[in-house]
Protein backbone atom coordinates (compact mmCIF):
# COMPACT_ATOMS: atom_id res chain seq x y z
CA MET A 1 -42.22 -13.67 60.91
CA ASP A 2 -44.51 -16.44 59.65
CA LYS A 3 -46.51 -17.45 56.61
CA HIS A 4 -49.41 -15.26 57.69
CA ASN A 5 -47.29 -12.21 56.85
CA TYR A 6 -47.34 -13.20 53.18
CA ASN A 7 -49.99 -13.78 50.56
CA LYS A 8 -50.31 -17.08 48.76
CA VAL A 9 -50.01 -17.42 44.99
CA THR A 10 -53.58 -17.16 43.74
CA SER A 11 -54.94 -18.25 40.37
CA ILE A 12 -54.57 -14.64 39.22
CA THR A 13 -50.92 -14.29 40.27
CA PHE A 14 -50.20 -17.77 38.87
CA GLU A 15 -51.47 -16.57 35.49
CA GLN A 16 -49.32 -13.43 35.77
CA LEU A 17 -46.21 -15.52 36.48
CA GLN A 18 -47.09 -17.95 33.70
CA ALA A 19 -47.39 -15.08 31.25
CA ILE A 20 -43.86 -13.98 32.20
CA VAL A 21 -41.97 -17.30 31.93
CA GLY A 22 -44.25 -19.48 29.80
CA SER A 23 -46.29 -22.53 30.75
CA ASP A 24 -43.31 -24.90 30.42
CA PHE A 25 -41.37 -23.06 33.13
CA ILE A 26 -43.86 -22.85 35.96
CA SER A 27 -45.33 -25.63 38.08
CA ALA A 28 -47.51 -26.18 41.12
CA ASP A 29 -47.27 -29.96 40.82
CA HIS A 30 -46.71 -31.54 44.26
CA GLU A 31 -43.82 -33.69 43.06
CA GLN A 32 -42.04 -30.61 41.70
CA LEU A 33 -42.74 -28.60 44.83
CA GLU A 34 -41.29 -31.39 46.96
CA LYS A 35 -38.19 -31.69 44.76
CA TYR A 36 -37.49 -27.96 44.98
CA GLY A 37 -38.47 -27.76 48.64
CA GLN A 38 -35.34 -29.46 49.92
CA ASP A 39 -31.57 -29.18 49.67
CA GLU A 40 -28.70 -30.98 51.44
CA THR A 41 -29.63 -29.55 54.85
CA GLU A 42 -30.53 -32.47 57.08
CA ASP A 43 -33.97 -33.81 56.10
CA PHE A 44 -35.97 -30.58 55.78
CA VAL A 45 -38.74 -30.19 53.18
CA PHE A 46 -40.75 -26.98 52.72
CA LEU A 47 -43.25 -26.55 49.90
CA ALA A 48 -43.57 -23.34 47.92
CA ASP A 49 -46.86 -22.49 46.24
CA VAL A 50 -45.21 -22.56 42.84
CA VAL A 51 -41.83 -23.19 41.19
CA VAL A 52 -40.79 -20.70 38.51
CA LYS A 53 -37.81 -21.12 36.16
CA PRO A 54 -36.97 -17.84 34.41
CA GLN A 55 -34.46 -17.66 31.57
CA THR A 56 -33.67 -13.94 31.33
CA THR A 57 -32.94 -11.07 33.68
CA ALA A 58 -36.06 -9.30 32.44
CA GLN A 59 -38.15 -12.31 33.45
CA VAL A 60 -36.56 -12.39 36.91
CA ALA A 61 -37.33 -8.68 37.31
CA ALA A 62 -40.95 -9.19 36.25
CA VAL A 63 -41.39 -12.13 38.66
CA ALA A 64 -39.93 -10.06 41.49
CA LYS A 65 -42.31 -7.19 40.73
CA VAL A 66 -45.33 -9.50 40.84
CA CYS A 67 -44.20 -10.81 44.22
CA SER A 68 -43.51 -7.30 45.49
CA ASP A 69 -46.85 -5.94 44.29
CA ASN A 70 -48.71 -8.82 45.95
CA ARG A 71 -46.49 -9.36 49.01
CA ILE A 72 -45.60 -12.92 48.09
CA ALA A 73 -42.51 -14.58 49.57
CA LEU A 74 -39.79 -15.08 46.94
CA THR A 75 -36.98 -17.58 47.56
CA THR A 76 -34.14 -18.01 45.07
CA ARG A 77 -32.58 -21.45 44.55
CA GLY A 78 -29.41 -22.54 42.79
CA ALA A 79 -28.42 -26.20 42.53
CA GLY A 80 -29.79 -27.22 45.93
CA THR A 81 -26.48 -28.26 47.50
CA GLY A 82 -26.68 -25.88 50.46
CA LEU A 83 -26.09 -27.04 54.03
CA SER A 84 -27.72 -24.22 56.01
CA GLY A 85 -31.23 -24.28 54.54
CA GLY A 86 -30.61 -20.98 52.79
CA ALA A 87 -32.68 -21.86 49.69
CA LEU A 88 -35.64 -23.51 51.42
CA PRO A 89 -39.00 -21.76 50.79
CA ILE A 90 -40.06 -21.85 54.45
CA MET A 91 -42.71 -19.16 53.95
CA GLY A 92 -44.20 -20.74 50.83
CA GLY A 93 -44.78 -18.35 47.94
CA VAL A 94 -42.59 -18.47 44.83
CA LEU A 95 -39.52 -20.68 44.53
CA LEU A 96 -37.34 -19.04 41.86
CA SER A 97 -35.02 -21.66 40.35
CA MET A 98 -32.01 -20.22 38.51
CA GLU A 99 -31.14 -23.49 36.76
CA LYS A 100 -31.81 -22.07 33.29
CA PHE A 101 -29.19 -19.36 33.84
CA ASN A 102 -26.43 -21.78 32.86
CA LYS A 103 -24.38 -19.93 30.25
CA ILE A 104 -20.73 -18.91 30.32
CA ILE A 105 -21.29 -15.63 28.50
CA ALA A 106 -17.67 -14.63 27.83
CA ILE A 107 -14.12 -15.40 28.88
CA ASP A 108 -11.90 -12.34 28.47
CA GLU A 109 -8.34 -13.69 28.13
CA ARG A 110 -6.82 -10.22 27.78
CA ASN A 111 -8.15 -8.99 31.11
CA LEU A 112 -8.33 -12.37 32.88
CA GLN A 113 -12.06 -12.09 33.51
CA ALA A 114 -15.17 -14.11 32.80
CA THR A 115 -18.85 -13.18 32.70
CA VAL A 116 -21.18 -16.02 33.63
CA GLU A 117 -24.74 -16.73 34.67
CA PRO A 118 -25.38 -17.96 38.22
CA GLY A 119 -26.68 -21.40 37.24
CA VAL A 120 -23.32 -22.51 35.80
CA ILE A 121 -21.88 -25.46 37.75
CA ASN A 122 -18.58 -24.67 39.48
CA TYR A 123 -16.66 -27.63 38.02
CA ILE A 124 -17.84 -26.92 34.46
CA PHE A 125 -16.67 -23.32 34.76
CA GLN A 126 -13.30 -24.40 36.14
CA GLU A 127 -12.75 -26.84 33.29
CA GLU A 128 -13.64 -24.26 30.64
CA VAL A 129 -11.20 -21.65 31.91
CA LYS A 130 -8.47 -24.29 32.34
CA LYS A 131 -8.65 -24.96 28.58
CA LEU A 132 -7.37 -21.41 28.14
CA GLY A 133 -4.62 -21.74 30.75
CA LEU A 134 -6.66 -19.80 33.33
CA PHE A 135 -7.73 -20.63 36.86
CA TYR A 136 -10.78 -19.99 39.04
CA PRO A 137 -9.69 -21.32 42.46
CA PRO A 138 -12.81 -21.55 44.71
CA ASP A 139 -13.69 -25.25 44.72
CA PRO A 140 -16.25 -26.38 47.32
CA ALA A 141 -16.49 -30.11 48.04
CA SER A 142 -19.70 -30.13 45.98
CA TRP A 143 -17.99 -28.45 43.03
CA GLY A 144 -19.34 -31.09 40.65
CA SER A 145 -22.92 -30.09 41.39
CA CYS A 146 -23.02 -26.68 43.11
CA SER A 147 -23.80 -23.54 41.12
CA LEU A 148 -21.78 -20.34 41.01
CA GLY A 149 -24.80 -18.36 42.16
CA GLY A 150 -25.03 -20.51 45.28
CA ASN A 151 -21.30 -19.98 45.80
CA ILE A 152 -21.92 -16.23 45.64
CA ALA A 153 -24.75 -16.50 48.17
CA HIS A 154 -22.45 -18.04 50.79
CA SER A 155 -19.02 -16.81 49.66
CA SER A 156 -18.07 -20.46 49.37
CA GLY A 157 -14.49 -21.54 49.89
CA GLY A 158 -13.19 -25.07 49.50
CA PRO A 159 -9.71 -26.60 49.77
CA LYS A 160 -7.97 -23.95 47.65
CA ALA A 161 -9.19 -21.09 49.87
CA VAL A 162 -6.15 -21.40 52.14
CA LYS A 163 -3.89 -20.02 49.40
CA TYR A 164 -6.23 -18.33 46.96
CA GLY A 165 -9.15 -17.02 49.04
CA THR A 166 -12.90 -17.56 48.84
CA THR A 167 -15.51 -16.69 46.22
CA ARG A 168 -15.65 -13.11 47.51
CA ASP A 169 -12.05 -12.53 46.39
CA TYR A 170 -12.90 -13.26 42.73
CA VAL A 171 -16.15 -11.33 42.23
CA LEU A 172 -15.66 -8.04 40.42
CA ASN A 173 -19.21 -7.09 39.53
CA LEU A 174 -22.76 -8.43 39.72
CA GLU A 175 -25.97 -7.84 37.84
CA VAL A 176 -28.67 -7.97 40.50
CA VAL A 177 -32.46 -7.81 40.46
CA LEU A 178 -33.80 -6.05 43.55
CA PRO A 179 -37.02 -7.25 45.25
CA SER A 180 -38.87 -4.33 43.63
CA GLY A 181 -37.93 -5.57 40.15
CA GLU A 182 -35.27 -2.94 39.51
CA ILE A 183 -32.01 -4.08 37.89
CA ILE A 184 -28.60 -2.79 38.98
CA TRP A 185 -24.90 -3.51 38.49
CA THR A 186 -23.19 -3.46 41.86
CA GLY A 187 -19.73 -2.21 40.85
CA ALA A 188 -17.33 -2.21 37.90
CA ASN A 189 -15.24 -4.74 35.98
CA THR A 190 -12.06 -3.44 37.53
CA LEU A 191 -9.49 -4.86 39.94
CA LYS A 192 -9.70 -1.74 42.11
CA TYR A 193 -12.92 -0.23 43.38
CA SER A 194 -13.21 2.79 45.68
CA THR A 195 -16.41 4.37 44.41
CA ALA A 196 -18.78 4.84 47.34
CA TYR A 197 -20.14 1.77 49.15
CA ASN A 198 -19.07 -1.58 47.73
CA LEU A 199 -22.39 -3.23 46.99
CA THR A 200 -20.64 -6.15 45.29
CA HIS A 201 -19.04 -7.30 48.53
CA LEU A 202 -22.30 -6.70 50.36
CA MET A 203 -24.17 -9.00 47.99
CA VAL A 204 -21.58 -11.78 48.23
CA GLY A 205 -22.49 -13.83 51.29
CA SER A 206 -25.93 -12.22 51.73
CA GLU A 207 -27.64 -15.58 51.13
CA GLY A 208 -30.20 -14.30 48.66
CA THR A 209 -31.79 -11.92 51.15
CA LEU A 210 -30.90 -8.63 49.42
CA GLY A 211 -31.18 -9.30 45.69
CA ILE A 212 -31.19 -11.92 42.95
CA VAL A 213 -27.90 -12.32 41.07
CA THR A 214 -28.38 -12.77 37.32
CA LYS A 215 -24.85 -12.18 35.99
CA ILE A 216 -21.40 -12.47 37.58
CA VAL A 217 -18.08 -10.99 36.48
CA PHE A 218 -15.23 -13.05 37.91
CA LYS A 219 -11.53 -12.33 38.16
CA LEU A 220 -9.32 -15.18 36.89
CA ILE A 221 -5.63 -15.95 37.41
CA PRO A 222 -3.06 -17.93 35.37
CA LEU A 223 -3.28 -21.69 35.90
CA PRO A 224 -0.36 -23.12 37.93
CA LYS A 225 1.66 -25.53 35.84
CA THR A 226 2.14 -28.29 38.41
CA ASP A 227 1.19 -29.52 41.85
CA LEU A 228 2.31 -32.11 44.40
CA LEU A 229 0.06 -33.93 46.85
CA MET A 230 1.10 -35.41 50.21
CA LEU A 231 -0.89 -37.67 52.52
CA VAL A 232 0.30 -37.34 56.11
CA PRO A 233 -1.04 -39.78 58.75
CA PHE A 234 -1.07 -39.14 62.51
CA LYS A 235 -1.76 -41.29 65.55
CA SER A 236 -3.21 -38.21 67.26
CA ALA A 237 -5.79 -35.89 65.69
CA GLU A 238 -4.60 -33.03 67.90
CA ASP A 239 -1.02 -33.49 66.68
CA ALA A 240 -2.33 -33.22 63.11
CA CYS A 241 -4.11 -29.97 63.94
CA LYS A 242 -1.04 -28.54 65.66
CA ALA A 243 1.15 -29.31 62.64
CA VAL A 244 -1.03 -27.08 60.47
CA GLY A 245 -0.02 -23.77 62.01
CA ASP A 246 3.63 -24.81 62.19
CA VAL A 247 3.78 -25.10 58.38
CA PHE A 248 2.74 -21.49 57.82
CA ARG A 249 5.27 -20.24 60.33
CA GLN A 250 7.92 -21.71 58.02
CA GLY A 251 6.83 -19.27 55.31
CA ILE A 252 5.02 -21.84 53.16
CA THR A 253 1.40 -21.50 52.04
CA PRO A 254 0.06 -24.78 50.62
CA SER A 255 -2.60 -24.61 47.93
CA ALA A 256 -4.68 -26.99 50.08
CA MET A 257 -4.39 -28.37 53.59
CA GLU A 258 -7.26 -30.68 54.53
CA PHE A 259 -7.93 -32.51 57.80
CA MET A 260 -9.87 -35.76 58.23
CA GLU A 261 -10.24 -37.71 61.44
CA ARG A 262 -10.48 -41.49 61.45
CA ASP A 263 -14.24 -41.96 61.19
CA ALA A 264 -14.41 -39.46 58.32
CA ILE A 265 -11.75 -41.43 56.44
CA ASP A 266 -13.36 -44.82 57.04
CA TRP A 267 -16.87 -43.67 56.17
CA SER A 268 -15.75 -41.90 53.00
CA ILE A 269 -13.73 -44.87 51.75
CA LYS A 270 -16.65 -47.20 52.38
CA TYR A 271 -19.04 -44.78 50.65
CA SER A 272 -16.88 -44.01 47.61
CA GLY A 273 -15.67 -47.60 47.22
CA GLU A 274 -12.17 -46.50 46.31
CA VAL A 275 -8.85 -46.59 48.13
CA ASN A 276 -5.37 -47.26 46.79
CA PHE A 277 -3.42 -47.21 50.04
CA VAL A 278 -3.52 -49.06 53.36
CA ILE A 279 -5.21 -47.32 56.29
CA ARG A 280 -3.30 -48.51 59.33
CA PRO A 281 -5.28 -49.20 62.52
CA GLU A 282 -3.24 -46.75 64.59
CA TRP A 283 -3.92 -43.77 62.33
CA GLN A 284 -6.40 -41.37 63.92
CA ALA A 285 -6.20 -38.50 61.44
CA LEU A 286 -4.86 -37.55 58.02
CA LEU A 287 -3.66 -34.28 56.54
CA LEU A 288 -3.98 -33.95 52.78
CA ILE A 289 -1.49 -31.28 51.73
CA GLU A 290 -1.08 -29.86 48.23
CA VAL A 291 1.44 -27.35 46.93
CA ASP A 292 1.22 -25.81 43.47
CA GLY A 293 3.17 -23.44 41.27
CA ASN A 294 5.30 -23.24 38.16
CA ASN A 295 8.65 -24.60 39.39
CA ALA A 296 8.79 -28.29 40.35
CA GLU A 297 12.11 -27.90 42.17
CA VAL A 298 10.71 -25.16 44.39
CA LEU A 299 7.66 -27.29 45.16
CA MET A 300 9.83 -30.27 46.10
CA ALA A 301 11.84 -28.04 48.45
CA ASP A 302 8.57 -26.84 50.02
CA CYS A 303 7.46 -30.44 50.49
CA GLU A 304 10.73 -31.28 52.21
CA ILE A 305 10.19 -28.44 54.70
CA ILE A 306 6.57 -29.48 55.21
CA GLY A 307 7.72 -33.06 55.79
CA ASN A 308 10.15 -31.94 58.49
CA VAL A 309 7.38 -29.99 60.22
CA MET A 310 5.11 -33.03 60.09
CA GLN A 311 7.78 -35.26 61.63
CA GLN A 312 8.34 -32.77 64.43
CA ASN A 313 4.63 -33.20 65.20
CA ASN A 314 4.81 -37.00 65.41
CA CYS A 315 3.44 -37.97 62.02
CA ASP A 316 3.72 -41.46 60.61
CA GLU A 317 5.25 -42.24 57.21
CA ILE A 318 4.37 -39.58 54.62
CA LEU A 319 2.92 -40.76 51.33
CA PHE A 320 3.14 -38.94 47.97
CA ALA A 321 0.59 -39.29 45.17
CA ASP A 322 2.64 -40.56 42.24
CA SER A 323 0.08 -40.06 39.47
CA ALA A 324 -2.97 -38.08 38.47
CA GLU A 325 -5.07 -41.17 39.24
CA GLN A 326 -3.77 -41.34 42.81
CA LYS A 327 -4.36 -37.62 43.29
CA ASN A 328 -7.92 -37.93 42.05
CA ALA A 329 -8.55 -40.92 44.32
CA LEU A 330 -7.29 -39.05 47.39
CA TRP A 331 -9.31 -35.96 46.57
CA LYS A 332 -12.39 -38.09 45.99
CA ILE A 333 -12.09 -39.48 49.53
CA ARG A 334 -11.95 -35.95 50.92
CA ARG A 335 -14.75 -34.55 48.78
CA LYS A 336 -17.09 -37.46 49.55
CA VAL A 337 -16.89 -37.21 53.34
CA GLY A 338 -20.01 -35.07 53.67
CA GLU A 339 -22.10 -37.42 51.54
CA ALA A 340 -20.70 -40.41 53.42
CA VAL A 341 -21.71 -38.98 56.79
CA LYS A 342 -25.21 -38.23 55.54
CA SER A 343 -25.57 -41.79 54.23
CA ASN A 344 -24.65 -43.23 57.65
CA SER A 345 -26.96 -41.38 60.01
CA VAL A 346 -29.22 -38.45 60.73
CA TYR A 347 -26.79 -35.65 61.48
CA LYS A 348 -26.25 -31.93 61.96
CA GLU A 349 -23.26 -30.23 60.37
CA GLU A 350 -21.70 -27.23 62.08
CA ASP A 351 -19.33 -25.10 60.01
CA THR A 352 -16.96 -23.82 62.71
CA VAL A 353 -13.96 -21.61 62.01
CA VAL A 354 -11.17 -20.27 64.23
CA PRO A 355 -7.69 -18.81 63.69
CA ARG A 356 -5.72 -21.80 62.43
CA ALA A 357 -3.37 -21.99 65.43
CA GLU A 358 -6.42 -22.51 67.66
CA LEU A 359 -7.56 -25.59 65.73
CA PRO A 360 -6.20 -28.12 68.30
CA LYS A 361 -8.15 -26.38 71.10
CA LEU A 362 -11.30 -26.34 68.97
CA LEU A 363 -11.08 -30.05 68.15
CA LYS A 364 -10.36 -30.99 71.76
CA GLY A 365 -13.23 -28.80 72.97
CA VAL A 366 -15.69 -30.29 70.48
CA LYS A 367 -14.88 -33.79 71.71
CA GLU A 368 -15.21 -32.77 75.37
CA ILE A 369 -18.57 -31.12 74.70
CA GLY A 370 -19.72 -34.24 72.86
CA THR A 371 -18.79 -36.39 75.85
CA ARG A 372 -20.81 -34.17 78.20
CA TYR A 373 -23.90 -34.19 76.00
CA GLY A 374 -23.60 -37.78 74.83
CA PHE A 375 -23.14 -37.21 71.11
CA LYS A 376 -20.53 -38.47 68.68
CA SER A 377 -18.95 -36.12 66.16
CA VAL A 378 -17.09 -36.73 62.92
CA CYS A 379 -14.73 -33.87 62.13
CA TYR A 380 -12.98 -32.87 58.93
CA GLY A 381 -12.39 -29.71 56.95
CA HIS A 382 -10.10 -27.02 55.67
CA ALA A 383 -7.41 -27.11 58.35
CA GLY A 384 -5.24 -24.57 56.54
CA ASP A 385 -7.74 -21.80 57.20
CA GLY A 386 -9.06 -23.08 60.54
CA ASN A 387 -12.40 -24.21 59.10
CA LEU A 388 -13.53 -27.41 60.86
CA HIS A 389 -16.75 -29.13 59.79
CA VAL A 390 -18.25 -30.78 62.86
CA ASN A 391 -20.77 -33.47 61.91
CA ILE A 392 -22.86 -34.40 64.95
CA ILE A 393 -24.26 -37.92 64.60
CA LYS A 394 -27.69 -38.81 65.98
CA GLY A 395 -26.92 -42.51 66.21
CA GLU A 396 -28.78 -43.93 69.21
CA LEU A 397 -29.76 -40.56 70.72
CA SER A 398 -33.46 -40.26 71.47
CA ASP A 399 -35.57 -37.72 69.61
CA GLU A 400 -36.05 -35.83 72.88
CA VAL A 401 -32.30 -35.49 73.48
CA TRP A 402 -31.72 -34.61 69.82
CA GLU A 403 -34.32 -31.84 69.87
CA ASN A 404 -33.90 -30.45 73.40
CA ASP A 405 -30.37 -31.14 74.65
CA LEU A 406 -28.30 -31.05 71.47
CA PRO A 407 -28.86 -27.30 70.85
CA LYS A 408 -27.23 -26.66 74.24
CA GLY A 409 -24.16 -28.60 73.12
CA ILE A 410 -24.06 -26.73 69.79
CA THR A 411 -24.31 -23.47 71.70
CA GLU A 412 -21.25 -24.45 73.73
CA ILE A 413 -19.33 -25.32 70.54
CA PHE A 414 -20.13 -21.90 69.08
CA GLU A 415 -19.26 -20.15 72.32
CA LEU A 416 -15.90 -21.93 72.19
CA CYS A 417 -15.39 -20.71 68.62
CA LYS A 418 -16.10 -17.14 69.72
CA ALA A 419 -13.75 -17.47 72.72
CA LEU A 420 -10.97 -18.69 70.41
CA GLY A 421 -11.40 -15.67 68.12
CA GLY A 422 -13.51 -17.48 65.54
CA THR A 423 -17.13 -17.52 64.42
CA ILE A 424 -20.01 -19.89 63.71
CA SER A 425 -19.74 -20.29 59.94
CA GLY A 426 -16.80 -20.17 57.58
CA GLU A 427 -18.49 -20.98 54.28
CA HIS A 428 -21.91 -22.65 54.70
CA GLY A 429 -23.77 -19.53 55.79
CA ILE A 430 -26.42 -18.93 58.45
CA GLY A 431 -29.61 -19.58 56.51
CA LEU A 432 -32.32 -21.34 58.48
CA VAL A 433 -30.45 -23.67 60.83
CA GLN A 434 -27.91 -21.30 62.40
CA LYS A 435 -29.93 -18.11 62.78
CA ASN A 436 -30.80 -18.72 66.44
CA TYR A 437 -27.08 -18.83 67.26
CA LEU A 438 -26.17 -15.46 65.74
CA PRO A 439 -26.47 -13.60 69.07
CA ILE A 440 -23.48 -15.63 70.27
CA VAL A 441 -21.19 -13.72 67.91
CA PHE A 442 -23.02 -10.41 67.39
CA PRO A 443 -24.38 -7.98 70.00
CA PRO A 444 -27.97 -6.67 69.55
CA HIS A 445 -26.95 -3.31 68.05
CA GLN A 446 -24.86 -5.05 65.36
CA LEU A 447 -27.70 -7.39 64.46
CA GLU A 448 -29.98 -4.38 64.19
CA LEU A 449 -27.55 -2.73 61.76
CA MET A 450 -27.81 -5.83 59.56
CA ARG A 451 -31.60 -5.85 59.80
CA GLY A 452 -31.53 -2.19 58.77
CA ILE A 453 -29.56 -3.08 55.63
CA LYS A 454 -32.12 -5.78 54.86
CA ARG A 455 -34.98 -3.25 55.22
CA VAL A 456 -33.29 -0.79 52.82
CA PHE A 457 -32.97 -3.40 50.07
CA ASP A 458 -36.17 -5.28 50.83
CA PRO A 459 -38.65 -3.11 52.75
CA GLN A 460 -41.45 -5.67 52.47
CA GLY A 461 -39.23 -8.54 53.56
CA ILE A 462 -40.31 -10.76 50.66
CA LEU A 463 -36.86 -11.96 49.56
CA ASN A 464 -35.81 -15.28 51.11
CA PRO A 465 -37.74 -14.53 54.30
CA GLY A 466 -36.99 -16.30 57.55
CA LYS A 467 -33.26 -16.63 56.87
CA ILE A 468 -30.32 -15.23 58.87
CA PHE A 469 -32.58 -13.24 61.25
């Protein structure tokens, strides 16, 4: 598939699109095309022919129909925080920005539900439901800037996923525009659903390749009344990883359990400019462990058990966050790691995931593979659910090694994930940068089943072309 399979936006189709959204919400200006032609995936830039910013579902449907009628590539974009290139308009055509879909339509306190538009920022939504004593748990590291529609596209997780699940677990129903311009609701606003195929779950995680989400109905839960946060240092990163699985075998499920190795800690602290504790030279990894609930005594008892498990795995002195300020400072260090790595070097981020008990083997294997191929990696992630973000640093590697040899090393990392019972992405998606590695985890007949689903929804292949497959 290449750009020759699609038609460009002509002056005629530009006028059609302009008539739909208005002259203030369409642009072919180079500066705008460049801005919307990139996200947080490495240093890629792809230019669409035009950027369109609809404000209603009817407008989205009309734009889709123009693209369908004229075989123009149509790529949907949220807030541009993606890490797999899923929203890059690599085939040109129309870049459909959902930024104007930024309304929280309704919060139903009786049924613990909310109806929102996909352009709402995750953090803003969380804060609004908290005011009503409600909780929406999925909280990616980029929660302050990522949109809920983008979270839907990748079934995003975040630190709270270990206890509460990912985005997929909170989506009840979706309003979706199909590539043909038809509008459907994928399910029902109910907690149970056993009515033919579940199109809602199919859409979540489909990376904008099957339809365009214009409304979301989320399930909410009551907001926990309190939480406790522990910082646990280790002299061995593998000991830290081993301790993770041991906690769950004690019958405790933390609300967050995050892993950071030494370079991730140092780079994040330097980048964020904040730290209120001493990082000792011998520390090679940290676990950030949170428990939450409604009974402080129960949480303290859980922390005592967790502390014993940590000590059995050779941790150093455990630190507790004594105030909201300390908690925020610690979480800021964790959430800023990705940005810190990007500010230090050209890099590639691999979103590996394995059963949590296999995390020590994964980390050890990543380091051994790096030694063989001559690359350095900075690792961190959601240890509680086995999701390790492996940031491969270019550093002094030549362009030739980076382009030709590194993919072999990445292939070995993904093969290790598969051998350990895991897969090649836990929450970032496949998008553009991981699609060549899909055959590692799926046999040809399974990939063809997925392509068949794509053809049913999008027979012309206009929607977010060049992604996943």
